[in-house]
Amino acid sequence: MEPMDQPVPLPSHIHYELLMQLLERQTLFALQRRSPQQQQIQELIITLRKALSQQKQLEESCRSSGIAIEYYWSLNNAAASSPLHPGEH
């Protein structure tokens, strides 16, 4: 299989890190201990950790297949090269 011409766009890891830090350091403390909402936040943090781990696995798979990766910080730098317009999937 030939490597792709264009790098695969992926979110920068900092996006996951910032969300997890916000939830761990601020959101949890704003909620009452042992509340259902605090449990939901804990589950959300776990989900974000899993998502970051899965992205890292995808990155390793791409690297081992010779597929380039490009990290994106926002949608602004992706808008010009994206074949989709806002609202399309």
N, C-alpha and C. Protein backbone atom coordinates (compact mmCIF):
# COMPACT_ATOMS: atom_id res chain seq x y z
N MET A 1 0.84 -1.18 0.00
CA MET A 1 0.00 0.00 0.00
C MET A 1 0.89 1.24 0.00
N GLU A 2 0.59 2.21 -0.87
CA GLU A 2 1.38 3.43 -0.97
C GLU A 2 0.99 4.41 0.14
N PRO A 3 1.98 5.19 0.61
CA PRO A 3 1.65 6.23 1.59
C PRO A 3 0.72 7.27 0.96
N MET A 4 -0.12 7.86 1.79
CA MET A 4 -1.06 8.87 1.31
C MET A 4 -0.30 10.14 0.92
N ASP A 5 -0.85 10.87 -0.04
CA ASP A 5 -0.25 12.13 -0.47
C ASP A 5 -0.39 13.20 0.60
N GLN A 6 -1.53 13.25 1.24
CA GLN A 6 -1.80 14.26 2.25
C GLN A 6 -1.69 13.65 3.65
N PRO A 7 -1.13 14.40 4.60
CA PRO A 7 -1.08 13.88 5.97
C PRO A 7 -2.48 13.75 6.56
N VAL A 8 -2.63 12.83 7.47
CA VAL A 8 -3.89 12.62 8.17
C VAL A 8 -4.03 13.70 9.24
N PRO A 9 -5.11 14.49 9.20
CA PRO A 9 -5.29 15.53 10.22
C PRO A 9 -5.82 14.92 11.53
N LEU A 10 -5.15 15.25 12.62
CA LEU A 10 -5.57 14.79 13.95
C LEU A 10 -5.48 15.95 14.93
N PRO A 11 -6.32 15.92 15.97
CA PRO A 11 -6.22 16.99 16.96
C PRO A 11 -4.91 16.87 17.74
N SER A 12 -4.36 18.00 18.08
CA SER A 12 -3.16 18.02 18.91
C SER A 12 -3.48 17.42 20.28
N HIS A 13 -2.52 16.73 20.87
CA HIS A 13 -2.74 16.10 22.18
C HIS A 13 -3.13 17.12 23.25
N ILE A 14 -2.71 18.36 23.07
CA ILE A 14 -2.98 19.38 24.08
C ILE A 14 -4.48 19.58 24.27
N HIS A 15 -5.27 19.32 23.25
CA HIS A 15 -6.73 19.47 23.38
C HIS A 15 -7.26 18.51 24.44
N TYR A 16 -6.82 17.28 24.41
CA TYR A 16 -7.25 16.31 25.42
C TYR A 16 -6.74 16.72 26.80
N GLU A 17 -5.46 17.12 26.86
CA GLU A 17 -4.84 17.48 28.13
C GLU A 17 -5.56 18.66 28.78
N LEU A 18 -5.87 19.67 27.99
CA LEU A 18 -6.56 20.84 28.55
C LEU A 18 -7.93 20.48 29.09
N LEU A 19 -8.68 19.69 28.35
CA LEU A 19 -10.00 19.27 28.81
C LEU A 19 -9.90 18.47 30.10
N MET A 20 -8.96 17.53 30.16
CA MET A 20 -8.82 16.71 31.36
C MET A 20 -8.40 17.56 32.56
N GLN A 21 -7.48 18.49 32.35
CA GLN A 21 -7.04 19.35 33.45
C GLN A 21 -8.17 20.23 33.96
N LEU A 22 -8.95 20.80 33.05
CA LEU A 22 -10.08 21.62 33.46
C LEU A 22 -11.06 20.80 34.29
N LEU A 23 -11.39 19.62 33.80
CA LEU A 23 -12.35 18.78 34.52
C LEU A 23 -11.81 18.32 35.87
N GLU A 24 -10.52 17.94 35.91
CA GLU A 24 -9.94 17.44 37.16
C GLU A 24 -9.70 18.54 38.19
N ARG A 25 -9.25 19.70 37.73
CA ARG A 25 -8.83 20.76 38.66
C ARG A 25 -9.94 21.73 39.03
N GLN A 26 -10.91 21.91 38.16
CA GLN A 26 -11.92 22.93 38.43
C GLN A 26 -13.33 22.38 38.51
N THR A 27 -13.73 21.60 37.51
CA THR A 27 -15.11 21.13 37.48
C THR A 27 -15.42 20.21 38.65
N LEU A 28 -14.53 19.27 38.96
CA LEU A 28 -14.77 18.36 40.08
C LEU A 28 -14.95 19.11 41.39
N PHE A 29 -14.15 20.15 41.60
CA PHE A 29 -14.21 20.89 42.85
C PHE A 29 -15.44 21.78 42.95
N ALA A 30 -16.04 22.09 41.82
CA ALA A 30 -17.25 22.91 41.81
C ALA A 30 -18.49 22.09 42.17
N LEU A 31 -18.36 20.79 42.14
CA LEU A 31 -19.49 19.91 42.42
C LEU A 31 -19.40 19.32 43.82
N GLN A 32 -20.53 18.99 44.37
CA GLN A 32 -20.60 18.38 45.69
C GLN A 32 -20.00 16.98 45.65
N ARG A 33 -19.26 16.64 46.70
CA ARG A 33 -18.65 15.30 46.78
C ARG A 33 -19.70 14.21 46.67
N ARG A 34 -19.32 13.17 45.95
CA ARG A 34 -20.15 11.98 45.76
C ARG A 34 -21.50 12.27 45.11
N SER A 35 -21.60 13.37 44.41
CA SER A 35 -22.85 13.66 43.71
C SER A 35 -22.88 12.87 42.41
N PRO A 36 -24.06 12.67 41.86
CA PRO A 36 -24.13 11.99 40.56
C PRO A 36 -23.36 12.75 39.47
N GLN A 37 -23.35 14.08 39.56
CA GLN A 37 -22.64 14.87 38.57
C GLN A 37 -21.13 14.67 38.69
N GLN A 38 -20.63 14.55 39.91
CA GLN A 38 -19.20 14.32 40.08
C GLN A 38 -18.82 12.96 39.49
N GLN A 39 -19.66 11.98 39.64
CA GLN A 39 -19.42 10.67 39.02
C GLN A 39 -19.42 10.78 37.51
N GLN A 40 -20.32 11.58 36.96
CA GLN A 40 -20.35 11.78 35.51
C GLN A 40 -19.06 12.43 35.03
N ILE A 41 -18.55 13.39 35.80
CA ILE A 41 -17.29 14.04 35.42
C ILE A 41 -16.15 13.03 35.45
N GLN A 42 -16.11 12.17 36.46
CA GLN A 42 -15.08 11.13 36.54
C GLN A 42 -15.14 10.23 35.30
N GLU A 43 -16.34 9.86 34.90
CA GLU A 43 -16.51 9.01 33.72
C GLU A 43 -16.06 9.75 32.45
N LEU A 44 -16.35 11.04 32.38
CA LEU A 44 -15.93 11.84 31.24
C LEU A 44 -14.41 11.92 31.15
N ILE A 45 -13.75 12.08 32.28
CA ILE A 45 -12.28 12.11 32.32
C ILE A 45 -11.71 10.79 31.83
N ILE A 46 -12.30 9.69 32.29
CA ILE A 46 -11.85 8.36 31.84
C ILE A 46 -12.03 8.22 30.33
N THR A 47 -13.16 8.69 29.82
CA THR A 47 -13.43 8.62 28.39
C THR A 47 -12.40 9.42 27.60
N LEU A 48 -12.05 10.61 28.08
CA LEU A 48 -11.05 11.42 27.40
C LEU A 48 -9.68 10.75 27.41
N ARG A 49 -9.33 10.11 28.53
CA ARG A 49 -8.05 9.38 28.59
C ARG A 49 -8.04 8.24 27.58
N LYS A 50 -9.16 7.54 27.47
CA LYS A 50 -9.26 6.45 26.49
C LYS A 50 -9.16 7.00 25.06
N ALA A 51 -9.81 8.13 24.80
CA ALA A 51 -9.75 8.73 23.46
C ALA A 51 -8.33 9.11 23.10
N LEU A 52 -7.59 9.70 24.04
CA LEU A 52 -6.20 10.07 23.78
C LEU A 52 -5.37 8.81 23.53
N SER A 53 -5.59 7.78 24.31
CA SER A 53 -4.87 6.52 24.12
C SER A 53 -5.17 5.91 22.75
N GLN A 54 -6.43 5.95 22.35
CA GLN A 54 -6.80 5.41 21.04
C GLN A 54 -6.19 6.24 19.92
N GLN A 55 -6.13 7.56 20.09
CA GLN A 55 -5.50 8.38 19.06
C GLN A 55 -4.02 8.04 18.95
N LYS A 56 -3.36 7.83 20.08
CA LYS A 56 -1.94 7.47 20.05
C LYS A 56 -1.73 6.13 19.35
N GLN A 57 -2.66 5.19 19.54
CA GLN A 57 -2.57 3.91 18.83
C GLN A 57 -2.74 4.12 17.33
N LEU A 58 -3.67 4.99 16.94
CA LEU A 58 -3.87 5.30 15.53
C LEU A 58 -2.62 5.95 14.95
N GLU A 59 -2.01 6.86 15.70
CA GLU A 59 -0.79 7.52 15.24
C GLU A 59 0.32 6.50 15.00
N GLU A 60 0.47 5.58 15.91
CA GLU A 60 1.51 4.54 15.76
C GLU A 60 1.21 3.66 14.56
N SER A 61 -0.05 3.33 14.35
CA SER A 61 -0.45 2.54 13.18
C SER A 61 -0.14 3.29 11.89
N CYS A 62 -0.43 4.59 11.88
CA CYS A 62 -0.13 5.40 10.69
C CYS A 62 1.38 5.44 10.45
N ARG A 63 2.15 5.69 11.49
CA ARG A 63 3.60 5.76 11.33
C ARG A 63 4.17 4.45 10.80
N SER A 64 3.70 3.34 11.34
CA SER A 64 4.22 2.05 10.90
C SER A 64 3.81 1.72 9.46
N SER A 65 2.75 2.37 8.99
CA SER A 65 2.30 2.18 7.60
C SER A 65 2.84 3.25 6.67
N GLY A 66 3.64 4.17 7.20
CA GLY A 66 4.20 5.23 6.38
C GLY A 66 3.23 6.35 6.06
N ILE A 67 2.21 6.50 6.87
CA ILE A 67 1.21 7.55 6.66
C ILE A 67 1.57 8.74 7.55
N ALA A 68 1.71 9.89 6.93
CA ALA A 68 2.07 11.10 7.67
C ALA A 68 0.88 11.61 8.49
N ILE A 69 1.20 12.27 9.59
CA ILE A 69 0.19 12.84 10.48
C ILE A 69 0.44 14.33 10.59
N GLU A 70 -0.63 15.09 10.59
CA GLU A 70 -0.53 16.53 10.83
C GLU A 70 -1.45 16.87 11.99
N TYR A 71 -0.88 17.50 13.02
CA TYR A 71 -1.66 17.87 14.20
C TYR A 71 -2.30 19.23 13.99
N TYR A 72 -3.57 19.32 14.32
CA TYR A 72 -4.32 20.55 14.17
C TYR A 72 -4.63 21.14 15.54
N TRP A 73 -4.51 22.46 15.61
CA TRP A 73 -4.81 23.19 16.85
C TRP A 73 -6.22 23.74 16.81
N SER A 74 -6.76 23.93 15.61
CA SER A 74 -8.12 24.44 15.47
C SER A 74 -8.64 24.01 14.10
N LEU A 75 -9.90 24.29 13.88
CA LEU A 75 -10.49 24.00 12.57
C LEU A 75 -10.12 25.06 11.55
N ASN A 76 -9.64 26.20 12.01
CA ASN A 76 -9.30 27.29 11.09
C ASN A 76 -8.24 26.87 10.08
N ASN A 77 -7.19 26.17 10.53
CA ASN A 77 -6.14 25.78 9.59
C ASN A 77 -6.57 24.59 8.75
N ALA A 78 -7.65 23.94 9.09
CA ALA A 78 -8.15 22.80 8.30
C ALA A 78 -9.20 23.25 7.29
N ALA A 79 -9.82 24.40 7.52
CA ALA A 79 -10.95 24.82 6.68
C ALA A 79 -10.56 25.00 5.22
N ALA A 80 -9.39 25.54 4.96
CA ALA A 80 -8.98 25.80 3.58
C ALA A 80 -8.73 24.51 2.80
N SER A 81 -8.24 23.48 3.48
CA SER A 81 -7.91 22.25 2.78
C SER A 81 -9.00 21.20 2.87
N SER A 82 -10.02 21.44 3.67
CA SER A 82 -11.07 20.45 3.86
C SER A 82 -12.02 20.42 2.68
N PRO A 83 -12.34 19.21 2.19
CA PRO A 83 -13.29 19.12 1.09
C PRO A 83 -14.73 19.35 1.56
N LEU A 84 -14.97 19.30 2.85
CA LEU A 84 -16.31 19.46 3.39
C LEU A 84 -16.54 20.90 3.82
N HIS A 85 -17.73 21.34 3.69
CA HIS A 85 -18.11 22.65 4.17
C HIS A 85 -18.75 22.49 5.54
N PRO A 86 -18.79 23.54 6.37
CA PRO A 86 -19.41 23.43 7.69
C PRO A 86 -20.79 22.82 7.60
N GLY A 87 -21.08 21.90 8.48
CA GLY A 87 -22.38 21.26 8.50
C GLY A 87 -22.46 19.98 7.71
N GLU A 88 -21.48 19.71 6.84
CA GLU A 88 -21.47 18.46 6.08
C GLU A 88 -20.71 17.40 6.86
N HIS A 89 -21.08 16.16 6.65
CA HIS A 89 -20.39 15.04 7.34
C HIS A 89 -19.93 14.02 6.35
